[in-house]
Amino acid sequence: MKQLFQGVLIVLLVCMAQLQATQFTQNNQQECNITGESKLYQEWAEQWRGKYDTDIYYHQTGTPSAIKDMLEQCDIRGLTLMFNDIGAREFILHQASGGVVFLMVAIESTHPQSVQFLLEHKLTQKDNKDMYEEQMIEESIEGLTPLHLATQKLQESKTKGDSKAVENYEKIIKLLQEYETQ
């Protein structure tokens, strides 16, 4: 009887461990919207799609805010749809009108996928020097470059003991370093 009880207990423990591992994986996948519907994009499309030339609010607030929200919430699907709708030039120009630097927003979001989206689509200063200079977009916050900001955020996360943020900032730093050496 004792062996049967131990066997059942072991099976239950294994099942619980598998359930926790599955739930952990699902939670990490749910952190970023890669393929699902994008509520943020839908809201943007309903309100702003097609208003490129006629609506100044589109340029100054609506679209920059939508992009910023997508970066912060790691809505990669929404960012992809937005990028396909407006193109790289418009995407970049919304930083100047919205008063935000999208790469810095992505870094502060702690989502490596948001940073990677910008790097892969060449939406940073490195790939668009002329446009950044023309629009007076500074890819820095208080004198911090993207790599310095990520390093500072990593140290802050270590101090707070936030292991998930530490892991994400380490990934972000690696992405930025690889990108800078390309």
C-alpha atoms as a PDB file:
ATOM      1  CA  MET A   1       0.000   0.000   0.000  1.00  0.00           C
ATOM      2  CA  LYS A   2       2.841   2.349   0.893  1.00  0.00           C
ATOM      3  CA  GLN A   3       4.494   1.729  -2.503  1.00  0.00           C
ATOM      4  CA  LEU A   4       1.212   2.365  -4.320  1.00  0.00           C
ATOM      5  CA  PHE A   5       0.780   5.623  -2.423  1.00  0.00           C
ATOM      6  CA  GLN A   6       4.350   6.689  -3.268  1.00  0.00           C
ATOM      7  CA  GLY A   7       3.800   5.784  -6.930  1.00  0.00           C
ATOM      8  CA  VAL A   8       0.601   7.833  -7.105  1.00  0.00           C
ATOM      9  CA  LEU A   9       2.332  10.723  -5.369  1.00  0.00           C
ATOM     10  CA  ILE A  10       5.223  10.641  -7.869  1.00  0.00           C
ATOM     11  CA  VAL A  11       2.806  10.558 -10.811  1.00  0.00           C
ATOM     12  CA  LEU A  12       0.915  13.539  -9.370  1.00  0.00           C
ATOM     13  CA  LEU A  13       4.135  15.490  -8.852  1.00  0.00           C
ATOM     14  CA  VAL A  14       5.259  14.785 -12.427  1.00  0.00           C
ATOM     15  CA  CYS A  15       1.853  15.852 -13.762  1.00  0.00           C
ATOM     16  CA  MET A  16       1.970  19.071 -11.724  1.00  0.00           C
ATOM     17  CA  ALA A  17       5.486  19.838 -12.992  1.00  0.00           C
ATOM     18  CA  GLN A  18       4.375  19.293 -16.596  1.00  0.00           C
ATOM     19  CA  LEU A  19       1.314  21.460 -16.072  1.00  0.00           C
ATOM     20  CA  GLN A  20       3.428  24.277 -14.613  1.00  0.00           C
ATOM     21  CA  ALA A  21       5.931  24.023 -17.471  1.00  0.00           C
ATOM     22  CA  THR A  22       3.108  24.185 -20.025  1.00  0.00           C
ATOM     23  CA  GLN A  23       1.522  27.154 -18.275  1.00  0.00           C
ATOM     24  CA  PHE A  24       4.900  28.952 -18.093  1.00  0.00           C
ATOM     25  CA  THR A  25       5.433  28.420 -21.826  1.00  0.00           C
ATOM     26  CA  GLN A  26       1.925  29.649 -22.627  1.00  0.00           C
ATOM     27  CA  ASN A  27       2.386  32.750 -20.459  1.00  0.00           C
ATOM     28  CA  ASN A  28       5.657  33.585 -22.201  1.00  0.00           C
ATOM     29  CA  GLN A  29       4.046  33.119 -25.610  1.00  0.00           C
ATOM     30  CA  GLN A  30       1.129  35.305 -24.559  1.00  0.00           C
ATOM     31  CA  GLU A  31       3.497  38.090 -23.555  1.00  0.00           C
ATOM     32  CA  CYS A  32       3.918  39.046 -27.201  1.00  0.00           C
ATOM     33  CA  ASN A  33       1.265  38.973 -29.852  1.00  0.00           C
ATOM     34  CA  ILE A  34       3.005  37.472 -32.852  1.00  0.00           C
ATOM     35  CA  THR A  35       0.176  35.995 -34.912  1.00  0.00           C
ATOM     36  CA  GLY A  36      -3.108  36.778 -33.172  1.00  0.00           C
ATOM     37  CA  GLU A  37      -5.503  39.605 -33.806  1.00  0.00           C
ATOM     38  CA  SER A  38      -4.233  43.015 -32.849  1.00  0.00           C
ATOM     39  CA  LYS A  39      -6.754  45.121 -30.990  1.00  0.00           C
ATOM     40  CA  LEU A  40      -4.381  48.096 -31.091  1.00  0.00           C
ATOM     41  CA  TYR A  41      -3.989  47.844 -34.852  1.00  0.00           C
ATOM     42  CA  GLN A  42      -7.747  47.443 -35.342  1.00  0.00           C
ATOM     43  CA  GLU A  43      -8.408  50.591 -33.304  1.00  0.00           C
ATOM     44  CA  TRP A  44      -5.771  52.483 -35.272  1.00  0.00           C
ATOM     45  CA  ALA A  45      -7.083  51.245 -38.641  1.00  0.00           C
ATOM     46  CA  GLU A  46     -10.663  52.219 -37.809  1.00  0.00           C
ATOM     47  CA  GLN A  47      -9.656  55.701 -36.737  1.00  0.00           C
ATOM     48  CA  TRP A  48      -6.615  56.605 -38.827  1.00  0.00           C
ATOM     49  CA  ARG A  49      -6.028  54.386 -41.863  1.00  0.00           C
ATOM     50  CA  GLY A  50      -6.112  56.410 -45.058  1.00  0.00           C
ATOM     51  CA  LYS A  51      -5.747  59.817 -43.371  1.00  0.00           C
ATOM     52  CA  TYR A  52      -2.070  60.239 -44.279  1.00  0.00           C
ATOM     53  CA  ASP A  53      -2.367  63.580 -46.077  1.00  0.00           C
ATOM     54  CA  THR A  54      -5.412  65.161 -44.516  1.00  0.00           C
ATOM     55  CA  ASP A  55      -5.282  64.792 -40.768  1.00  0.00           C
ATOM     56  CA  ILE A  56      -2.550  66.497 -38.757  1.00  0.00           C
ATOM     57  CA  TYR A  57      -3.643  64.667 -35.601  1.00  0.00           C
ATOM     58  CA  TYR A  58      -2.828  61.421 -37.405  1.00  0.00           C
ATOM     59  CA  HIS A  59       0.781  62.575 -37.712  1.00  0.00           C
ATOM     60  CA  GLN A  60       1.174  64.211 -34.313  1.00  0.00           C
ATOM     61  CA  THR A  61      -0.680  61.906 -31.967  1.00  0.00           C
ATOM     62  CA  GLY A  62      -2.805  59.079 -33.352  1.00  0.00           C
ATOM     63  CA  THR A  63      -0.224  57.029 -35.188  1.00  0.00           C
ATOM     64  CA  PRO A  64       2.826  57.698 -32.975  1.00  0.00           C
ATOM     65  CA  SER A  65       0.763  56.729 -29.916  1.00  0.00           C
ATOM     66  CA  ALA A  66      -0.473  53.554 -31.586  1.00  0.00           C
ATOM     67  CA  ILE A  67       3.089  52.526 -32.518  1.00  0.00           C
ATOM     68  CA  LYS A  68       4.316  53.345 -29.008  1.00  0.00           C
ATOM     69  CA  ASP A  69       1.523  51.263 -27.444  1.00  0.00           C
ATOM     70  CA  MET A  70       2.272  48.338 -29.762  1.00  0.00           C
ATOM     71  CA  LEU A  71       5.964  48.444 -28.841  1.00  0.00           C
ATOM     72  CA  GLU A  72       5.187  48.642 -25.116  1.00  0.00           C
ATOM     73  CA  GLN A  73       2.706  45.769 -25.290  1.00  0.00           C
ATOM     74  CA  CYS A  74       4.857  43.711 -27.674  1.00  0.00           C
ATOM     75  CA  ASP A  75       2.141  43.612 -30.295  1.00  0.00           C
ATOM     76  CA  ILE A  76       4.397  42.413 -33.107  1.00  0.00           C
ATOM     77  CA  ARG A  77       1.405  41.486 -35.259  1.00  0.00           C
ATOM     78  CA  GLY A  78       0.048  45.027 -34.973  1.00  0.00           C
ATOM     79  CA  LEU A  79       3.469  46.533 -35.691  1.00  0.00           C
ATOM     80  CA  THR A  80       3.823  44.358 -38.782  1.00  0.00           C
ATOM     81  CA  LEU A  81       0.401  45.361 -40.091  1.00  0.00           C
ATOM     82  CA  MET A  82       1.143  49.030 -39.363  1.00  0.00           C
ATOM     83  CA  PHE A  83       4.537  48.803 -41.074  1.00  0.00           C
ATOM     84  CA  ASN A  84       2.915  47.206 -44.129  1.00  0.00           C
ATOM     85  CA  ASP A  85       0.269  49.956 -44.237  1.00  0.00           C
ATOM     86  CA  ILE A  86       2.448  53.034 -43.868  1.00  0.00           C
ATOM     87  CA  GLY A  87       5.940  51.878 -44.883  1.00  0.00           C
ATOM     88  CA  ALA A  88       9.335  52.519 -43.339  1.00  0.00           C
ATOM     89  CA  ARG A  89       9.550  56.254 -44.098  1.00  0.00           C
ATOM     90  CA  GLU A  90       6.202  57.098 -42.503  1.00  0.00           C
ATOM     91  CA  PHE A  91       6.948  54.784 -39.580  1.00  0.00           C
ATOM     92  CA  ILE A  92      10.206  56.632 -38.884  1.00  0.00           C
ATOM     93  CA  LEU A  93       8.711  60.091 -39.381  1.00  0.00           C
ATOM     94  CA  HIS A  94       6.128  59.461 -36.677  1.00  0.00           C
ATOM     95  CA  GLN A  95       8.909  59.554 -34.102  1.00  0.00           C
ATOM     96  CA  ALA A  96       9.607  63.203 -34.882  1.00  0.00           C
ATOM     97  CA  SER A  97       5.962  64.233 -34.759  1.00  0.00           C
ATOM     98  CA  GLY A  98       5.142  62.119 -31.704  1.00  0.00           C
ATOM     99  CA  GLY A  99       8.177  63.242 -29.714  1.00  0.00           C
ATOM    100  CA  VAL A 100       9.254  59.689 -28.889  1.00  0.00           C
ATOM    101  CA  VAL A 101      12.110  57.495 -30.032  1.00  0.00           C
ATOM    102  CA  PHE A 102      10.669  54.115 -30.856  1.00  0.00           C
ATOM    103  CA  LEU A 103      13.862  52.174 -30.121  1.00  0.00           C
ATOM    104  CA  MET A 104      14.063  53.695 -26.639  1.00  0.00           C
ATOM    105  CA  VAL A 105      10.383  52.874 -26.030  1.00  0.00           C
ATOM    106  CA  ALA A 106      11.039  49.284 -27.110  1.00  0.00           C
ATOM    107  CA  ILE A 107      14.038  49.019 -24.779  1.00  0.00           C
ATOM    108  CA  GLU A 108      12.109  50.394 -21.821  1.00  0.00           C
ATOM    109  CA  SER A 109       9.278  47.944 -22.529  1.00  0.00           C
ATOM    110  CA  THR A 110      11.607  45.035 -21.608  1.00  0.00           C
ATOM    111  CA  HIS A 111      10.415  43.112 -24.678  1.00  0.00           C
ATOM    112  CA  PRO A 112      13.333  41.875 -26.818  1.00  0.00           C
ATOM    113  CA  GLN A 113      10.859  41.120 -29.615  1.00  0.00           C
ATOM    114  CA  SER A 114       9.888  44.798 -29.894  1.00  0.00           C
ATOM    115  CA  VAL A 115      13.551  45.795 -30.153  1.00  0.00           C
ATOM    116  CA  GLN A 116      14.169  43.051 -32.690  1.00  0.00           C
ATOM    117  CA  PHE A 117      11.233  44.225 -34.827  1.00  0.00           C
ATOM    118  CA  LEU A 118      12.741  47.703 -35.163  1.00  0.00           C
ATOM    119  CA  LEU A 119      16.220  46.359 -35.865  1.00  0.00           C
ATOM    120  CA  GLU A 120      15.072  43.788 -38.431  1.00  0.00           C
ATOM    121  CA  HIS A 121      12.990  46.343 -40.326  1.00  0.00           C
ATOM    122  CA  LYS A 122      15.841  48.869 -40.239  1.00  0.00           C
ATOM    123  CA  LEU A 123      13.801  51.518 -38.431  1.00  0.00           C
ATOM    124  CA  THR A 124      16.652  52.932 -36.358  1.00  0.00           C
ATOM    125  CA  GLN A 125      19.097  55.783 -36.740  1.00  0.00           C
ATOM    126  CA  LYS A 126      21.879  53.492 -37.955  1.00  0.00           C
ATOM    127  CA  ASP A 127      19.966  52.643 -41.139  1.00  0.00           C
ATOM    128  CA  ASN A 128      18.313  56.023 -41.656  1.00  0.00           C
ATOM    129  CA  LYS A 129      20.932  58.648 -40.747  1.00  0.00           C
ATOM    130  CA  ASP A 130      19.783  61.192 -43.345  1.00  0.00           C
ATOM    131  CA  MET A 131      16.129  60.989 -42.367  1.00  0.00           C
ATOM    132  CA  TYR A 132      16.965  61.184 -38.649  1.00  0.00           C
ATOM    133  CA  GLU A 133      19.146  64.259 -39.230  1.00  0.00           C
ATOM    134  CA  GLU A 134      16.556  65.893 -41.491  1.00  0.00           C
ATOM    135  CA  GLN A 135      13.809  65.393 -38.902  1.00  0.00           C
ATOM    136  CA  MET A 136      16.120  66.146 -35.957  1.00  0.00           C
ATOM    137  CA  ILE A 137      15.376  62.806 -34.310  1.00  0.00           C
ATOM    138  CA  GLU A 138      17.892  62.031 -31.575  1.00  0.00           C
ATOM    139  CA  GLU A 139      18.129  58.352 -30.775  1.00  0.00           C
ATOM    140  CA  SER A 140      19.021  59.007 -27.177  1.00  0.00           C
ATOM    141  CA  ILE A 141      17.368  59.876 -23.908  1.00  0.00           C
ATOM    142  CA  GLU A 142      19.193  62.259 -21.602  1.00  0.00           C
ATOM    143  CA  GLY A 143      22.404  61.499 -23.471  1.00  0.00           C
ATOM    144  CA  LEU A 144      22.021  57.723 -23.192  1.00  0.00           C
ATOM    145  CA  THR A 145      22.441  55.690 -26.363  1.00  0.00           C
ATOM    146  CA  PRO A 146      20.175  52.671 -26.807  1.00  0.00           C
ATOM    147  CA  LEU A 147      22.905  50.323 -25.596  1.00  0.00           C
ATOM    148  CA  HIS A 148      23.633  52.497 -22.553  1.00  0.00           C
ATOM    149  CA  LEU A 149      19.920  52.704 -21.713  1.00  0.00           C
ATOM    150  CA  ALA A 150      19.560  48.918 -21.925  1.00  0.00           C
ATOM    151  CA  THR A 151      22.631  48.465 -19.713  1.00  0.00           C
ATOM    152  CA  GLN A 152      21.258  50.947 -17.168  1.00  0.00           C
ATOM    153  CA  LYS A 153      17.882  49.179 -17.160  1.00  0.00           C
ATOM    154  CA  LEU A 154      19.654  45.829 -16.710  1.00  0.00           C
ATOM    155  CA  GLN A 155      21.445  47.138 -13.617  1.00  0.00           C
ATOM    156  CA  GLU A 156      18.195  48.561 -12.220  1.00  0.00           C
ATOM    157  CA  SER A 157      16.478  45.207 -12.765  1.00  0.00           C
ATOM    158  CA  LYS A 158      19.311  43.362 -11.021  1.00  0.00           C
ATOM    159  CA  THR A 159      19.043  45.734  -8.061  1.00  0.00           C
ATOM    160  CA  LYS A 160      15.287  45.106  -7.862  1.00  0.00           C
ATOM    161  CA  GLY A 161      15.787  41.358  -8.182  1.00  0.00           C
ATOM    162  CA  ASP A 162      13.509  41.156 -11.228  1.00  0.00           C
ATOM    163  CA  SER A 163      14.890  38.029 -12.886  1.00  0.00           C
ATOM    164  CA  LYS A 164      12.535  38.173 -15.908  1.00  0.00           C
ATOM    165  CA  ALA A 165      13.536  41.771 -16.672  1.00  0.00           C
ATOM    166  CA  VAL A 166      17.213  40.861 -16.206  1.00  0.00           C
ATOM    167  CA  GLU A 167      16.839  38.015 -18.699  1.00  0.00           C
ATOM    168  CA  ASN A 168      15.045  40.276 -21.188  1.00  0.00           C
ATOM    169  CA  TYR A 169      17.548  43.128 -20.875  1.00  0.00           C
ATOM    170  CA  GLU A 170      20.403  40.685 -21.402  1.00  0.00           C
ATOM    171  CA  LYS A 171      18.699  39.603 -24.650  1.00  0.00           C
ATOM    172  CA  ILE A 172      18.132  43.226 -25.660  1.00  0.00           C
ATOM    173  CA  ILE A 173      21.784  44.105 -25.036  1.00  0.00           C
ATOM    174  CA  LYS A 174      22.872  41.132 -27.120  1.00  0.00           C
ATOM    175  CA  LEU A 175      20.562  42.214 -29.967  1.00  0.00           C
ATOM    176  CA  LEU A 176      21.873  45.786 -29.856  1.00  0.00           C
ATOM    177  CA  GLN A 177      25.504  44.671 -29.786  1.00  0.00           C
ATOM    178  CA  GLU A 178      24.990  42.321 -32.728  1.00  0.00           C
ATOM    179  CA  TYR A 179      23.192  45.041 -34.650  1.00  0.00           C
ATOM    180  CA  GLU A 180      25.914  47.621 -34.012  1.00  0.00           C
ATOM    181  CA  THR A 181      28.617  45.287 -35.348  1.00  0.00           C
ATOM    182  CA  GLN A 182      26.768  44.470 -38.589  1.00  0.00           C
END
